[in-house]
C-alpha cells in the first residue's frame, strides 16, 4: 500500500480539538468558530448568520458541527445559507472537522462552523 501525505499549502486545516477549543493552523480558538481555507475566527453560533453569509460566492458547502453529537440546526439558519446557494451539511463537530480537512485537501470550496465539544 502506498500512502500519500496530505498537504494543505497555506490553507487553514484543523489540527485538533478538545473540551471547548479547536487548534487550527497552529493557533488555539476557544468556543464556537468559523474556519475557511484562508481564515479562522470566532463565530456567534446559530444567531450569527452574517459571518457565514459573508462567504457566499467563495464556498459551495458549509459543514456545521453541532458539538459532541449531531443535532438539528435552526431552520432559519439553514434557509439563510441555502437561500444564497450554499449547501449546509450538519454533523457532530469531530466529524465536521475531519470532513472539512478531507475536502480541503482535495481543493474544494468548503468552510466549517463548529460548536465546541465539551
Protein backbone atom coordinates (compact mmCIF):
# COMPACT_ATOMS: atom_id res chain seq x y z
CA UNK A 1 0.00 0.00 0.00
CA UNK A 2 1.26 3.44 -0.88
CA UNK A 3 0.50 6.32 1.49
CA UNK A 4 0.35 9.88 0.28
CA UNK A 5 0.89 12.74 2.69
CA UNK A 6 -1.87 15.33 2.56
CA UNK A 7 -0.66 18.89 2.18
CA UNK A 8 -2.83 21.95 2.59
CA UNK A 9 -0.45 24.62 1.34
CA UNK A 10 -1.41 27.89 3.01
CA UNK A 11 -4.97 26.70 3.72
CA UNK A 12 -6.17 26.55 7.34
CA UNK A 13 -6.50 22.91 8.39
CA UNK A 14 -7.92 21.74 11.71
CA UNK A 15 -5.14 20.05 13.68
CA UNK A 16 -7.06 19.01 16.77
CA UNK A 17 -9.79 19.76 19.28
CA UNK A 18 -10.64 19.25 22.92
CA UNK A 19 -13.04 20.48 25.59
CA UNK A 20 -14.05 23.97 24.41
CA UNK A 21 -11.28 24.53 21.85
CA UNK A 22 -10.08 23.83 18.30
CA UNK A 23 -6.48 24.02 17.07
CA UNK A 24 -6.26 25.49 13.59
CA UNK A 25 -3.01 26.12 11.72
CA UNK A 26 -1.04 26.26 14.97
CA UNK A 27 -3.47 28.56 16.83
CA UNK A 28 -5.99 27.68 19.52
CA UNK A 29 -9.54 29.00 19.11
CA UNK A 30 -11.88 28.79 22.09
CA UNK A 31 -15.64 28.42 21.79
CA UNK A 32 -17.63 28.41 18.56
CA UNK A 33 -15.60 29.17 15.45
CA UNK A 34 -15.81 29.52 11.69
CA UNK A 35 -12.94 28.10 9.68
CA UNK A 36 -12.27 28.70 5.99
CA UNK A 37 -9.26 27.83 3.86
CA UNK A 38 -7.99 31.41 4.32
CA UNK A 39 -9.09 32.39 7.85
CA UNK A 40 -10.25 31.07 11.23
CA UNK A 41 -12.01 33.01 13.95
CA UNK A 42 -14.93 33.23 16.34
CA UNK A 43 -18.49 32.53 15.29
CA UNK A 44 -21.56 33.70 17.21
CA UNK A 45 -23.47 30.44 16.81
CA UNK A 46 -26.77 29.96 15.03
CA UNK A 47 -27.94 33.52 15.73
CA UNK A 48 -24.96 34.75 13.68
CA UNK A 49 -25.85 34.24 10.03
CA UNK A 50 -23.93 37.32 8.87
CA UNK A 51 -20.50 35.76 9.37
CA UNK A 52 -21.10 32.60 7.30
CA UNK A 53 -23.15 34.56 4.75
CA UNK A 54 -20.08 36.72 4.12
CA UNK A 55 -18.63 33.59 2.45
CA UNK A 56 -21.27 33.46 -0.31
CA UNK A 57 -19.54 33.13 -3.67
CA UNK A 58 -16.35 31.79 -2.05
CA UNK A 59 -17.66 28.43 -0.77
CA UNK A 60 -20.09 25.82 -2.02
CA UNK A 61 -20.70 23.93 1.22
CA UNK A 62 -20.73 24.88 4.89
CA UNK A 63 -20.22 21.99 7.28
CA UNK A 64 -21.85 22.64 10.63
CA UNK A 65 -20.54 20.85 13.69
CA UNK A 66 -23.18 20.76 16.43
CA UNK A 67 -20.91 19.75 19.31
CA UNK A 68 -20.32 16.25 20.63
CA UNK A 69 -23.47 14.84 18.99
CA UNK A 70 -25.40 15.59 15.85
CA UNK A 71 -28.38 17.91 16.32
CA UNK A 72 -30.74 19.88 14.12
CA UNK A 73 -29.79 23.40 13.14
CA UNK A 74 -32.46 26.10 13.38
CA UNK A 75 -34.49 26.22 10.15
CA UNK A 76 -33.82 29.96 9.78
CA UNK A 77 -30.06 29.33 9.72
CA UNK A 78 -30.32 26.62 7.07
CA UNK A 79 -32.76 28.69 4.99
CA UNK A 80 -30.49 31.74 5.10
CA UNK A 81 -27.50 29.76 3.82
CA UNK A 82 -29.29 27.64 1.25
CA UNK A 83 -31.20 30.69 0.01
CA UNK A 84 -27.84 32.13 -1.04
CA UNK A 85 -26.72 28.94 -2.78
CA UNK A 86 -24.54 27.49 -0.01
CA UNK A 87 -25.20 23.88 0.92
CA UNK A 88 -25.42 23.05 4.63
CA UNK A 89 -24.24 19.67 5.93
CA UNK A 90 -24.84 19.03 9.62
CA UNK A 91 -22.85 16.56 11.73
CA UNK A 92 -21.13 16.29 15.10
CA UNK A 93 -18.16 18.68 15.43
CA UNK A 94 -15.44 15.97 15.34
CA UNK A 95 -16.93 14.55 12.12
CA UNK A 96 -17.35 18.03 10.62
CA UNK A 97 -13.69 18.85 11.36
CA UNK A 98 -12.45 15.65 9.71
CA UNK A 99 -14.74 16.08 6.70
CA UNK A 100 -13.62 19.70 6.26
CA UNK A 101 -9.96 18.61 6.26
CA UNK A 102 -10.55 15.86 3.69
CA UNK A 103 -12.33 18.17 1.27
CA UNK A 104 -9.84 20.97 1.96
CA UNK A 105 -7.08 18.56 0.91
CA UNK A 106 -8.98 17.98 -2.34
CA UNK A 107 -9.09 21.72 -3.02
CA UNK A 108 -12.86 22.03 -2.56
CA UNK A 109 -14.60 25.31 -1.74
CA UNK A 110 -15.65 24.50 1.82
CA UNK A 111 -15.88 26.05 5.27
CA UNK A 112 -16.87 24.72 8.67
CA UNK A 113 -18.79 26.31 11.53
CA UNK A 114 -18.11 24.46 14.78
CA UNK A 115 -19.76 24.43 18.16
CA UNK A 116 -17.32 23.25 20.83
CA UNK A 117 -17.16 19.73 22.15
CA UNK A 118 -17.39 19.80 25.93
